[in-house]
Amino acid sequence: MNKANTELNQDLDMLDEYDFTGGVRGKYYQQYQNGNIKPLKGIQFVTDTKGRKTGVLIDLNEYQYLWDECLKTFDESVKVQYLVDSQGEKIAVCLSFREHLQIWQKIYDTLIA
């Protein structure tokens, strides 16, 4: 076994602090495959011309607390786009999956938990 394979195997080893005893393998897999993910209030997906989800709009009236928590976790210098109302107040944040996937995953995991 060469050095690269040895390092790869070490990266794949399960660490002791991971505890999946209550986990269910593939819990949401079938829902994703069938597109049967329940709609989330205040969440709208952005799609491309082929219907693929490329981003998400998050209503800040509904999820301001969650967005504030994300800004604490992630570097606040992350560039995102906001939708603003006529008074200049931020009413929604737009996340691109290409640029903000980790942020969206944290939000989504919180919403479905």
PDB file of N, CA and C in Angstrom:
ATOM      1  N   MET A   1       0.857  -1.180   0.000  1.00  0.00           N
ATOM      2  CA  MET A   1       0.000   0.000   0.000  1.00  0.00           C
ATOM      3  C   MET A   1       0.894   1.231   0.000  1.00  0.00           C
ATOM      4  N   ASN A   2       0.620   2.153  -0.893  1.00  0.00           N
ATOM      5  CA  ASN A   2       1.455   3.346  -0.949  1.00  0.00           C
ATOM      6  C   ASN A   2       0.992   4.386   0.071  1.00  0.00           C
ATOM      7  N   LYS A   3       1.776   5.450   0.180  1.00  0.00           N
ATOM      8  CA  LYS A   3       1.515   6.479   1.186  1.00  0.00           C
ATOM      9  C   LYS A   3       0.149   7.144   0.996  1.00  0.00           C
ATOM     10  N   ALA A   4      -0.236   7.414  -0.241  1.00  0.00           N
ATOM     11  CA  ALA A   4      -1.526   8.065  -0.511  1.00  0.00           C
ATOM     12  C   ALA A   4      -2.687   7.199  -0.044  1.00  0.00           C
ATOM     13  N   ASN A   5      -2.620   5.887  -0.309  1.00  0.00           N
ATOM     14  CA  ASN A   5      -3.684   4.982   0.139  1.00  0.00           C
ATOM     15  C   ASN A   5      -3.741   4.900   1.654  1.00  0.00           C
ATOM     16  N   THR A   6      -2.585   4.902   2.310  1.00  0.00           N
ATOM     17  CA  THR A   6      -2.548   4.853   3.770  1.00  0.00           C
ATOM     18  C   THR A   6      -3.206   6.092   4.357  1.00  0.00           C
ATOM     19  N   GLU A   7      -2.877   7.269   3.808  1.00  0.00           N
ATOM     20  CA  GLU A   7      -3.480   8.512   4.303  1.00  0.00           C
ATOM     21  C   GLU A   7      -4.977   8.525   4.052  1.00  0.00           C
ATOM     22  N   LEU A   8      -5.428   8.008   2.921  1.00  0.00           N
ATOM     23  CA  LEU A   8      -6.851   7.954   2.603  1.00  0.00           C
ATOM     24  C   LEU A   8      -7.580   7.059   3.602  1.00  0.00           C
ATOM     25  N   ASN A   9      -7.003   5.902   3.906  1.00  0.00           N
ATOM     26  CA  ASN A   9      -7.630   4.993   4.865  1.00  0.00           C
ATOM     27  C   ASN A   9      -7.704   5.614   6.247  1.00  0.00           C
ATOM     28  N   GLN A  10      -6.675   6.374   6.642  1.00  0.00           N
ATOM     29  CA  GLN A  10      -6.703   7.030   7.943  1.00  0.00           C
ATOM     30  C   GLN A  10      -7.793   8.095   7.981  1.00  0.00           C
ATOM     31  N   ASP A  11      -8.007   8.803   6.865  1.00  0.00           N
ATOM     32  CA  ASP A  11      -9.055   9.821   6.814  1.00  0.00           C
ATOM     33  C   ASP A  11     -10.446   9.207   6.909  1.00  0.00           C
ATOM     34  N   LEU A  12     -10.601   7.965   6.464  1.00  0.00           N
ATOM     35  CA  LEU A  12     -11.906   7.318   6.465  1.00  0.00           C
ATOM     36  C   LEU A  12     -12.226   6.627   7.780  1.00  0.00           C
ATOM     37  N   ASP A  13     -11.245   6.526   8.674  1.00  0.00           N
ATOM     38  CA  ASP A  13     -11.483   5.871   9.958  1.00  0.00           C
ATOM     39  C   ASP A  13     -12.487   6.667  10.787  1.00  0.00           C
ATOM     40  N   MET A  14     -13.359   5.953  11.479  1.00  0.00           N
ATOM     41  CA  MET A  14     -14.364   6.571  12.337  1.00  0.00           C
ATOM     42  C   MET A  14     -13.698   7.009  13.639  1.00  0.00           C
ATOM     43  N   LEU A  15     -13.891   8.236  14.020  1.00  0.00           N
ATOM     44  CA  LEU A  15     -13.337   8.743  15.266  1.00  0.00           C
ATOM     45  C   LEU A  15     -14.209   8.310  16.435  1.00  0.00           C
ATOM     46  N   ASP A  16     -13.588   8.179  17.594  1.00  0.00           N
ATOM     47  CA  ASP A  16     -14.301   7.709  18.788  1.00  0.00           C
ATOM     48  C   ASP A  16     -15.431   8.647  19.207  1.00  0.00           C
ATOM     49  N   GLU A  17     -15.266   9.946  18.970  1.00  0.00           N
ATOM     50  CA  GLU A  17     -16.290  10.878  19.438  1.00  0.00           C
ATOM     51  C   GLU A  17     -17.557  10.883  18.594  1.00  0.00           C
ATOM     52  N   TYR A  18     -17.558  10.217  17.438  1.00  0.00           N
ATOM     53  CA  TYR A  18     -18.772  10.102  16.644  1.00  0.00           C
ATOM     54  C   TYR A  18     -19.658   9.008  17.227  1.00  0.00           C
ATOM     55  N   ASP A  19     -20.915   9.332  17.450  1.00  0.00           N
ATOM     56  CA  ASP A  19     -21.842   8.361  18.010  1.00  0.00           C
ATOM     57  C   ASP A  19     -23.095   8.325  17.147  1.00  0.00           C
ATOM     58  N   PHE A  20     -23.228   7.279  16.361  1.00  0.00           N
ATOM     59  CA  PHE A  20     -24.377   7.135  15.477  1.00  0.00           C
ATOM     60  C   PHE A  20     -25.328   6.048  15.966  1.00  0.00           C
ATOM     61  N   THR A  21     -25.307   5.746  17.262  1.00  0.00           N
ATOM     62  CA  THR A  21     -26.137   4.654  17.768  1.00  0.00           C
ATOM     63  C   THR A  21     -27.616   4.918  17.548  1.00  0.00           C
ATOM     64  N   GLY A  22     -28.050   6.184  17.545  1.00  0.00           N
ATOM     65  CA  GLY A  22     -29.457   6.496  17.328  1.00  0.00           C
ATOM     66  C   GLY A  22     -29.765   6.881  15.892  1.00  0.00           C
ATOM     67  N   GLY A  23     -28.761   6.810  15.042  1.00  0.00           N
ATOM     68  CA  GLY A  23     -28.929   7.241  13.654  1.00  0.00           C
ATOM     69  C   GLY A  23     -29.661   6.210  12.811  1.00  0.00           C
ATOM     70  N   VAL A  24     -30.300   6.683  11.769  1.00  0.00           N
ATOM     71  CA  VAL A  24     -31.007   5.819  10.828  1.00  0.00           C
ATOM     72  C   VAL A  24     -30.389   6.039   9.459  1.00  0.00           C
ATOM     73  N   ARG A  25     -29.806   4.995   8.908  1.00  0.00           N
ATOM     74  CA  ARG A  25     -29.157   5.114   7.608  1.00  0.00           C
ATOM     75  C   ARG A  25     -30.202   5.360   6.508  1.00  0.00           C
ATOM     76  N   GLY A  26     -29.957   6.398   5.696  1.00  0.00           N
ATOM     77  CA  GLY A  26     -30.831   6.688   4.567  1.00  0.00           C
ATOM     78  C   GLY A  26     -32.196   7.221   4.955  1.00  0.00           C
ATOM     79  N   LYS A  27     -32.297   7.856   6.112  1.00  0.00           N
ATOM     80  CA  LYS A  27     -33.580   8.323   6.626  1.00  0.00           C
ATOM     81  C   LYS A  27     -34.327   9.216   5.627  1.00  0.00           C
ATOM     82  N   TYR A  28     -33.615  10.097   4.937  1.00  0.00           N
ATOM     83  CA  TYR A  28     -34.246  11.018   4.001  1.00  0.00           C
ATOM     84  C   TYR A  28     -33.944  10.673   2.550  1.00  0.00           C
ATOM     85  N   TYR A  29     -33.230   9.595   2.301  1.00  0.00           N
ATOM     86  CA  TYR A  29     -32.793   9.242   0.953  1.00  0.00           C
ATOM     87  C   TYR A  29     -33.972   9.091  -0.005  1.00  0.00           C
ATOM     88  N   GLN A  30     -34.983   8.330   0.386  1.00  0.00           N
ATOM     89  CA  GLN A  30     -36.121   8.083  -0.502  1.00  0.00           C
ATOM     90  C   GLN A  30     -36.874   9.385  -0.808  1.00  0.00           C
ATOM     91  N   GLN A  31     -36.991  10.254   0.196  1.00  0.00           N
ATOM     92  CA  GLN A  31     -37.658  11.532  -0.033  1.00  0.00           C
ATOM     93  C   GLN A  31     -36.907  12.348  -1.075  1.00  0.00           C
ATOM     94  N   TYR A  32     -35.576  12.387  -0.970  1.00  0.00           N
ATOM     95  CA  TYR A  32     -34.782  13.133  -1.939  1.00  0.00           C
ATOM     96  C   TYR A  32     -34.933  12.546  -3.332  1.00  0.00           C
ATOM     97  N   GLN A  33     -34.929  11.234  -3.435  1.00  0.00           N
ATOM     98  CA  GLN A  33     -35.016  10.580  -4.729  1.00  0.00           C
ATOM     99  C   GLN A  33     -36.349  10.877  -5.419  1.00  0.00           C
ATOM    100  N   ASN A  34     -37.409  10.934  -4.662  1.00  0.00           N
ATOM    101  CA  ASN A  34     -38.740  11.153  -5.227  1.00  0.00           C
ATOM    102  C   ASN A  34     -39.141  12.625  -5.270  1.00  0.00           C
ATOM    103  N   GLY A  35     -38.278  13.499  -4.749  1.00  0.00           N
ATOM    104  CA  GLY A  35     -38.625  14.919  -4.704  1.00  0.00           C
ATOM    105  C   GLY A  35     -39.743  15.204  -3.723  1.00  0.00           C
ATOM    106  N   ASN A  36     -39.929  14.332  -2.726  1.00  0.00           N
ATOM    107  CA  ASN A  36     -41.023  14.473  -1.768  1.00  0.00           C
ATOM    108  C   ASN A  36     -40.590  15.181  -0.492  1.00  0.00           C
ATOM    109  N   ILE A  37     -39.685  16.109  -0.616  1.00  0.00           N
ATOM    110  CA  ILE A  37     -39.253  16.846   0.559  1.00  0.00           C
ATOM    111  C   ILE A  37     -40.359  17.825   0.908  1.00  0.00           C
ATOM    112  N   LYS A  38     -40.786  17.793   2.170  1.00  0.00           N
ATOM    113  CA  LYS A  38     -41.901  18.653   2.554  1.00  0.00           C
ATOM    114  C   LYS A  38     -41.519  20.120   2.394  1.00  0.00           C
ATOM    115  N   PRO A  39     -42.460  20.934   1.935  1.00  0.00           N
ATOM    116  CA  PRO A  39     -42.180  22.358   1.784  1.00  0.00           C
ATOM    117  C   PRO A  39     -41.936  22.990   3.151  1.00  0.00           C
ATOM    118  N   LEU A  40     -41.042  23.926   3.183  1.00  0.00           N
ATOM    119  CA  LEU A  40     -40.725  24.625   4.421  1.00  0.00           C
ATOM    120  C   LEU A  40     -41.232  26.057   4.317  1.00  0.00           C
ATOM    121  N   LYS A  41     -42.006  26.463   5.298  1.00  0.00           N
ATOM    122  CA  LYS A  41     -42.565  27.818   5.314  1.00  0.00           C
ATOM    123  C   LYS A  41     -41.409  28.832   5.315  1.00  0.00           C
ATOM    124  N   GLY A  42     -41.498  29.813   4.421  1.00  0.00           N
ATOM    125  CA  GLY A  42     -40.492  30.863   4.368  1.00  0.00           C
ATOM    126  C   GLY A  42     -39.245  30.502   3.572  1.00  0.00           C
ATOM    127  N   ILE A  43     -39.263  29.365   2.903  1.00  0.00           N
ATOM    128  CA  ILE A  43     -38.123  28.910   2.103  1.00  0.00           C
ATOM    129  C   ILE A  43     -38.588  28.749   0.659  1.00  0.00           C
ATOM    130  N   GLN A  44     -37.897  29.381  -0.262  1.00  0.00           N
ATOM    131  CA  GLN A  44     -38.194  29.220  -1.681  1.00  0.00           C
ATOM    132  C   GLN A  44     -36.896  28.866  -2.402  1.00  0.00           C
ATOM    133  N   PHE A  45     -36.956  27.851  -3.241  1.00  0.00           N
ATOM    134  CA  PHE A  45     -35.775  27.435  -3.983  1.00  0.00           C
ATOM    135  C   PHE A  45     -35.666  28.210  -5.286  1.00  0.00           C
ATOM    136  N   VAL A  46     -34.449  28.483  -5.675  1.00  0.00           N
ATOM    137  CA  VAL A  46     -34.138  29.118  -6.949  1.00  0.00           C
ATOM    138  C   VAL A  46     -33.709  27.996  -7.889  1.00  0.00           C
ATOM    139  N   THR A  47     -34.274  27.971  -9.087  1.00  0.00           N
ATOM    140  CA  THR A  47     -33.941  26.908 -10.031  1.00  0.00           C
ATOM    141  C   THR A  47     -33.370  27.494 -11.320  1.00  0.00           C
ATOM    142  N   ASP A  48     -32.616  26.651 -12.017  1.00  0.00           N
ATOM    143  CA  ASP A  48     -32.110  27.069 -13.319  1.00  0.00           C
ATOM    144  C   ASP A  48     -33.115  26.689 -14.402  1.00  0.00           C
ATOM    145  N   THR A  49     -32.761  26.884 -15.649  1.00  0.00           N
ATOM    146  CA  THR A  49     -33.693  26.629 -16.751  1.00  0.00           C
ATOM    147  C   THR A  49     -34.046  25.154 -16.910  1.00  0.00           C
ATOM    148  N   LYS A  50     -33.244  24.261 -16.321  1.00  0.00           N
ATOM    149  CA  LYS A  50     -33.517  22.828 -16.390  1.00  0.00           C
ATOM    150  C   LYS A  50     -34.274  22.330 -15.160  1.00  0.00           C
ATOM    151  N   GLY A  51     -34.653  23.249 -14.273  1.00  0.00           N
ATOM    152  CA  GLY A  51     -35.410  22.878 -13.086  1.00  0.00           C
ATOM    153  C   GLY A  51     -34.557  22.395 -11.926  1.00  0.00           C
ATOM    154  N   ARG A  52     -33.239  22.502 -12.033  1.00  0.00           N
ATOM    155  CA  ARG A  52     -32.348  22.079 -10.948  1.00  0.00           C
ATOM    156  C   ARG A  52     -32.263  23.179  -9.901  1.00  0.00           C
ATOM    157  N   LYS A  53     -32.322  22.801  -8.639  1.00  0.00           N
ATOM    158  CA  LYS A  53     -32.219  23.774  -7.559  1.00  0.00           C
ATOM    159  C   LYS A  53     -30.788  24.285  -7.475  1.00  0.00           C
ATOM    160  N   THR A  54     -30.634  25.592  -7.573  1.00  0.00           N
ATOM    161  CA  THR A  54     -29.307  26.196  -7.543  1.00  0.00           C
ATOM    162  C   THR A  54     -29.106  27.126  -6.356  1.00  0.00           C
ATOM    163  N   GLY A  55     -30.173  27.421  -5.661  1.00  0.00           N
ATOM    164  CA  GLY A  55     -30.073  28.316  -4.522  1.00  0.00           C
ATOM    165  C   GLY A  55     -31.370  28.352  -3.745  1.00  0.00           C
ATOM    166  N   VAL A  56     -31.387  29.210  -2.740  1.00  0.00           N
ATOM    167  CA  VAL A  56     -32.543  29.286  -1.866  1.00  0.00           C
ATOM    168  C   VAL A  56     -32.730  30.715  -1.367  1.00  0.00           C
ATOM    169  N   LEU A  57     -33.983  31.124  -1.243  1.00  0.00           N
ATOM    170  CA  LEU A  57     -34.347  32.390  -0.612  1.00  0.00           C
ATOM    171  C   LEU A  57     -34.916  32.076   0.765  1.00  0.00           C
ATOM    172  N   ILE A  58     -34.372  32.710   1.767  1.00  0.00           N
ATOM    173  CA  ILE A  58     -34.809  32.475   3.150  1.00  0.00           C
ATOM    174  C   ILE A  58     -35.469  33.741   3.667  1.00  0.00           C
ATOM    175  N   ASP A  59     -36.730  33.637   4.048  1.00  0.00           N
ATOM    176  CA  ASP A  59     -37.498  34.766   4.571  1.00  0.00           C
ATOM    177  C   ASP A  59     -36.962  35.116   5.960  1.00  0.00           C
ATOM    178  N   LEU A  60     -36.421  36.313   6.086  1.00  0.00           N
ATOM    179  CA  LEU A  60     -35.842  36.726   7.367  1.00  0.00           C
ATOM    180  C   LEU A  60     -36.908  37.080   8.397  1.00  0.00           C
ATOM    181  N   ASN A  61     -38.130  37.376   7.964  1.00  0.00           N
ATOM    182  CA  ASN A  61     -39.205  37.580   8.934  1.00  0.00           C
ATOM    183  C   ASN A  61     -39.478  36.280   9.680  1.00  0.00           C
ATOM    184  N   GLU A  62     -39.319  35.171   8.997  1.00  0.00           N
ATOM    185  CA  GLU A  62     -39.572  33.854   9.571  1.00  0.00           C
ATOM    186  C   GLU A  62     -38.343  33.291  10.290  1.00  0.00           C
ATOM    187  N   TYR A  63     -37.155  33.528   9.740  1.00  0.00           N
ATOM    188  CA  TYR A  63     -35.948  32.832  10.212  1.00  0.00           C
ATOM    189  C   TYR A  63     -34.802  33.768  10.574  1.00  0.00           C
ATOM    190  N   GLN A  64     -35.098  34.953  11.043  1.00  0.00           N
ATOM    191  CA  GLN A  64     -34.032  35.886  11.422  1.00  0.00           C
ATOM    192  C   GLN A  64     -33.141  35.281  12.513  1.00  0.00           C
ATOM    193  N   TYR A  65     -33.742  34.620  13.496  1.00  0.00           N
ATOM    194  CA  TYR A  65     -32.975  34.021  14.592  1.00  0.00           C
ATOM    195  C   TYR A  65     -31.980  32.991  14.060  1.00  0.00           C
ATOM    196  N   LEU A  66     -32.402  32.210  13.086  1.00  0.00           N
ATOM    197  CA  LEU A  66     -31.553  31.179  12.507  1.00  0.00           C
ATOM    198  C   LEU A  66     -30.428  31.801  11.687  1.00  0.00           C
ATOM    199  N   TRP A  67     -30.749  32.848  10.946  1.00  0.00           N
ATOM    200  CA  TRP A  67     -29.742  33.535  10.156  1.00  0.00           C
ATOM    201  C   TRP A  67     -28.704  34.186  11.069  1.00  0.00           C
ATOM    202  N   ASP A  68     -29.141  34.772  12.166  1.00  0.00           N
ATOM    203  CA  ASP A  68     -28.205  35.372  13.125  1.00  0.00           C
ATOM    204  C   ASP A  68     -27.251  34.327  13.692  1.00  0.00           C
ATOM    205  N   GLU A  69     -27.765  33.138  13.990  1.00  0.00           N
ATOM    206  CA  GLU A  69     -26.919  32.052  14.483  1.00  0.00           C
ATOM    207  C   GLU A  69     -25.895  31.627  13.432  1.00  0.00           C
ATOM    208  N   CYS A  70     -26.312  31.581  12.181  1.00  0.00           N
ATOM    209  CA  CYS A  70     -25.393  31.214  11.100  1.00  0.00           C
ATOM    210  C   CYS A  70     -24.282  32.239  10.961  1.00  0.00           C
ATOM    211  N   LEU A  71     -24.617  33.512  11.099  1.00  0.00           N
ATOM    212  CA  LEU A  71     -23.601  34.553  10.990  1.00  0.00           C
ATOM    213  C   LEU A  71     -22.584  34.458  12.115  1.00  0.00           C
ATOM    214  N   LYS A  72     -23.004  33.956  13.277  1.00  0.00           N
ATOM    215  CA  LYS A  72     -22.052  33.744  14.375  1.00  0.00           C
ATOM    216  C   LYS A  72     -21.120  32.583  14.064  1.00  0.00           C
ATOM    217  N   THR A  73     -21.670  31.535  13.445  1.00  0.00           N
ATOM    218  CA  THR A  73     -20.896  30.334  13.155  1.00  0.00           C
ATOM    219  C   THR A  73     -19.940  30.544  11.987  1.00  0.00           C
ATOM    220  N   PHE A  74     -20.436  31.174  10.931  1.00  0.00           N
ATOM    221  CA  PHE A  74     -19.642  31.382   9.729  1.00  0.00           C
ATOM    222  C   PHE A  74     -19.092  32.804   9.732  1.00  0.00           C
ATOM    223  N   ASP A  75     -18.019  32.989   9.033  1.00  0.00           N
ATOM    224  CA  ASP A  75     -17.386  34.295   8.933  1.00  0.00           C
ATOM    225  C   ASP A  75     -18.387  35.300   8.372  1.00  0.00           C
ATOM    226  N   GLU A  76     -18.578  36.407   9.057  1.00  0.00           N
ATOM    227  CA  GLU A  76     -19.568  37.400   8.636  1.00  0.00           C
ATOM    228  C   GLU A  76     -19.183  38.084   7.323  1.00  0.00           C
ATOM    229  N   SER A  77     -17.945  37.876   6.883  1.00  0.00           N
ATOM    230  CA  SER A  77     -17.531  38.472   5.614  1.00  0.00           C
ATOM    231  C   SER A  77     -18.016  37.662   4.420  1.00  0.00           C
ATOM    232  N   VAL A  78     -18.757  36.572   4.667  1.00  0.00           N
ATOM    233  CA  VAL A  78     -19.321  35.786   3.576  1.00  0.00           C
ATOM    234  C   VAL A  78     -20.245  36.691   2.772  1.00  0.00           C
ATOM    235  N   LYS A  79     -20.037  36.702   1.480  1.00  0.00           N
ATOM    236  CA  LYS A  79     -20.828  37.575   0.603  1.00  0.00           C
ATOM    237  C   LYS A  79     -22.132  36.889   0.226  1.00  0.00           C
ATOM    238  N   VAL A  80     -23.240  37.504   0.614  1.00  0.00           N
ATOM    239  CA  VAL A  80     -24.564  37.004   0.258  1.00  0.00           C
ATOM    240  C   VAL A  80     -25.373  38.168  -0.292  1.00  0.00           C
ATOM    241  N   GLN A  81     -26.453  37.835  -0.955  1.00  0.00           N
ATOM    242  CA  GLN A  81     -27.348  38.862  -1.466  1.00  0.00           C
ATOM    243  C   GLN A  81     -28.609  38.890  -0.619  1.00  0.00           C
ATOM    244  N   TYR A  82     -29.086  40.083  -0.375  1.00  0.00           N
ATOM    245  CA  TYR A  82     -30.309  40.266   0.396  1.00  0.00           C
ATOM    246  C   TYR A  82     -31.381  40.879  -0.494  1.00  0.00           C
ATOM    247  N   LEU A  83     -32.624  40.536  -0.221  1.00  0.00           N
ATOM    248  CA  LEU A  83     -33.763  41.257  -0.770  1.00  0.00           C
ATOM    249  C   LEU A  83     -34.160  42.276   0.283  1.00  0.00           C
ATOM    250  N   VAL A  84     -34.429  43.498  -0.148  1.00  0.00           N
ATOM    251  CA  VAL A  84     -34.790  44.541   0.802  1.00  0.00           C
ATOM    252  C   VAL A  84     -36.155  45.111   0.444  1.00  0.00           C
ATOM    253  N   ASP A  85     -36.844  45.635   1.458  1.00  0.00           N
ATOM    254  CA  ASP A  85     -38.143  46.263   1.203  1.00  0.00           C
ATOM    255  C   ASP A  85     -37.941  47.730   0.832  1.00  0.00           C
ATOM    256  N   SER A  86     -39.029  48.456   0.690  1.00  0.00           N
ATOM    257  CA  SER A  86     -38.942  49.846   0.234  1.00  0.00           C
ATOM    258  C   SER A  86     -38.250  50.758   1.257  1.00  0.00           C
ATOM    259  N   GLN A  87     -38.176  50.333   2.511  1.00  0.00           N
ATOM    260  CA  GLN A  87     -37.478  51.119   3.528  1.00  0.00           C
ATOM    261  C   GLN A  87     -36.008  50.708   3.673  1.00  0.00           C
ATOM    262  N   GLY A  88     -35.576  49.742   2.877  1.00  0.00           N
ATOM    263  CA  GLY A  88     -34.188  49.294   2.937  1.00  0.00           C
ATOM    264  C   GLY A  88     -33.928  48.203   3.965  1.00  0.00           C
ATOM    265  N   GLU A  89     -34.987  47.683   4.565  1.00  0.00           N
ATOM    266  CA  GLU A  89     -34.839  46.603   5.551  1.00  0.00           C
ATOM    267  C   GLU A  89     -34.649  45.267   4.836  1.00  0.00           C
ATOM    268  N   LYS A  90     -33.739  44.459   5.344  1.00  0.00           N
ATOM    269  CA  LYS A  90     -33.508  43.137   4.765  1.00  0.00           C
ATOM    270  C   LYS A  90     -34.695  42.236   5.082  1.00  0.00           C
ATOM    271  N   ILE A  91     -35.296  41.668   4.038  1.00  0.00           N
ATOM    272  CA  ILE A  91     -36.447  40.793   4.250  1.00  0.00           C
ATOM    273  C   ILE A  91     -36.167  39.340   3.876  1.00  0.00           C
ATOM    274  N   ALA A  92     -35.119  39.111   3.088  1.00  0.00           N
ATOM    275  CA  ALA A  92     -34.764  37.744   2.707  1.00  0.00           C
ATOM    276  C   ALA A  92     -33.289  37.702   2.332  1.00  0.00           C
ATOM    277  N   VAL A  93     -32.708  36.535   2.481  1.00  0.00           N
ATOM    278  CA  VAL A  93     -31.326  36.320   2.069  1.00  0.00           C
ATOM    279  C   VAL A  93     -31.331  35.256   0.978  1.00  0.00           C
ATOM    280  N   CYS A  94     -30.496  35.459  -0.022  1.00  0.00           N
ATOM    281  CA  CYS A  94     -30.389  34.520  -1.132  1.00  0.00           C
ATOM    282  C   CYS A  94     -29.050  33.802  -1.035  1.00  0.00           C
ATOM    283  N   LEU A  95     -29.114  32.482  -0.944  1.00  0.00           N
ATOM    284  CA  LEU A  95     -27.901  31.674  -0.867  1.00  0.00           C
ATOM    285  C   LEU A  95     -27.752  30.863  -2.144  1.00  0.00           C
ATOM    286  N   SER A  96     -26.588  30.921  -2.726  1.00  0.00           N
ATOM    287  CA  SER A  96     -26.264  30.096  -3.881  1.00  0.00           C
ATOM    288  C   SER A  96     -25.671  28.786  -3.377  1.00  0.00           C
ATOM    289  N   PHE A  97     -26.151  27.661  -3.873  1.00  0.00           N
ATOM    290  CA  PHE A  97     -25.610  26.382  -3.420  1.00  0.00           C
ATOM    291  C   PHE A  97     -24.139  26.252  -3.787  1.00  0.00           C
ATOM    292  N   ARG A  98     -23.745  26.848  -4.883  1.00  0.00           N
ATOM    293  CA  ARG A  98     -22.348  26.764  -5.306  1.00  0.00           C
ATOM    294  C   ARG A  98     -21.435  27.464  -4.305  1.00  0.00           C
ATOM    295  N   GLU A  99     -21.865  28.601  -3.780  1.00  0.00           N
ATOM    296  CA  GLU A  99     -21.016  29.399  -2.900  1.00  0.00           C
ATOM    297  C   GLU A  99     -21.322  29.230  -1.415  1.00  0.00           C
ATOM    298  N   HIS A 100     -22.547  28.848  -1.083  1.00  0.00           N
ATOM    299  CA  HIS A 100     -22.981  28.864   0.317  1.00  0.00           C
ATOM    300  C   HIS A 100     -23.557  27.531   0.789  1.00  0.00           C
ATOM    301  N   LEU A 101     -23.094  26.445   0.220  1.00  0.00           N
ATOM    302  CA  LEU A 101     -23.692  25.150   0.526  1.00  0.00           C
ATOM    303  C   LEU A 101     -23.572  24.796   2.008  1.00  0.00           C
ATOM    304  N   GLN A 102     -22.433  25.076   2.625  1.00  0.00           N
ATOM    305  CA  GLN A 102     -22.271  24.743   4.049  1.00  0.00           C
ATOM    306  C   GLN A 102     -23.273  25.506   4.911  1.00  0.00           C
ATOM    307  N   ILE A 103     -23.500  26.765   4.586  1.00  0.00           N
ATOM    308  CA  ILE A 103     -24.467  27.564   5.356  1.00  0.00           C
ATOM    309  C   ILE A 103     -25.864  26.981   5.184  1.00  0.00           C
ATOM    310  N   TRP A 104     -26.250  26.673   3.939  1.00  0.00           N
ATOM    311  CA  TRP A 104     -27.568  26.111   3.687  1.00  0.00           C
ATOM    312  C   TRP A 104     -27.734  24.774   4.392  1.00  0.00           C
ATOM    313  N   GLN A 105     -26.718  23.939   4.382  1.00  0.00           N
ATOM    314  CA  GLN A 105     -26.813  22.637   5.041  1.00  0.00           C
ATOM    315  C   GLN A 105     -27.059  22.803   6.530  1.00  0.00           C
ATOM    316  N   LYS A 106     -26.387  23.759   7.150  1.00  0.00           N
ATOM    317  CA  LYS A 106     -26.603  24.003   8.586  1.00  0.00           C
ATOM    318  C   LYS A 106     -28.045  24.460   8.827  1.00  0.00           C
ATOM    319  N   ILE A 107     -28.537  25.373   7.996  1.00  0.00           N
ATOM    320  CA  ILE A 107     -29.896  25.870   8.152  1.00  0.00           C
ATOM    321  C   ILE A 107     -30.899  24.741   7.927  1.00  0.00           C
ATOM    322  N   TYR A 108     -30.720  23.995   6.844  1.00  0.00           N
ATOM    323  CA  TYR A 108     -31.655  22.929   6.515  1.00  0.00           C
ATOM    324  C   TYR A 108     -31.681  21.850   7.601  1.00  0.00           C
ATOM    325  N   ASP A 109     -30.516  21.478   8.096  1.00  0.00           N
ATOM    326  CA  ASP A 109     -30.461  20.474   9.163  1.00  0.00           C
ATOM    327  C   ASP A 109     -31.206  20.953  10.398  1.00  0.00           C
ATOM    328  N   THR A 110     -31.115  22.239  10.695  1.00  0.00           N
ATOM    329  CA  THR A 110     -31.828  22.796  11.842  1.00  0.00           C
ATOM    330  C   THR A 110     -33.338  22.772  11.594  1.00  0.00           C
ATOM    331  N   LEU A 111     -33.746  23.090  10.374  1.00  0.00           N
ATOM    332  CA  LEU A 111     -35.171  23.150  10.064  1.00  0.00           C
ATOM    333  C   LEU A 111     -35.853  21.783  10.073  1.00  0.00           C
ATOM    334  N   ILE A 112     -35.163  20.740   9.653  1.00  0.00           N
ATOM    335  CA  ILE A 112     -35.804  19.432   9.573  1.00  0.00           C
ATOM    336  C   ILE A 112     -35.630  18.618  10.845  1.00  0.00           C
ATOM    337  N   ALA A 113     -34.823  19.102  11.751  1.00  0.00           N
ATOM    338  CA  ALA A 113     -34.572  18.352  13.001  1.00  0.00           C
ATOM    339  C   ALA A 113     -35.786  18.371  13.907  1.00  0.00           C
TER     340      ALA A 113
END
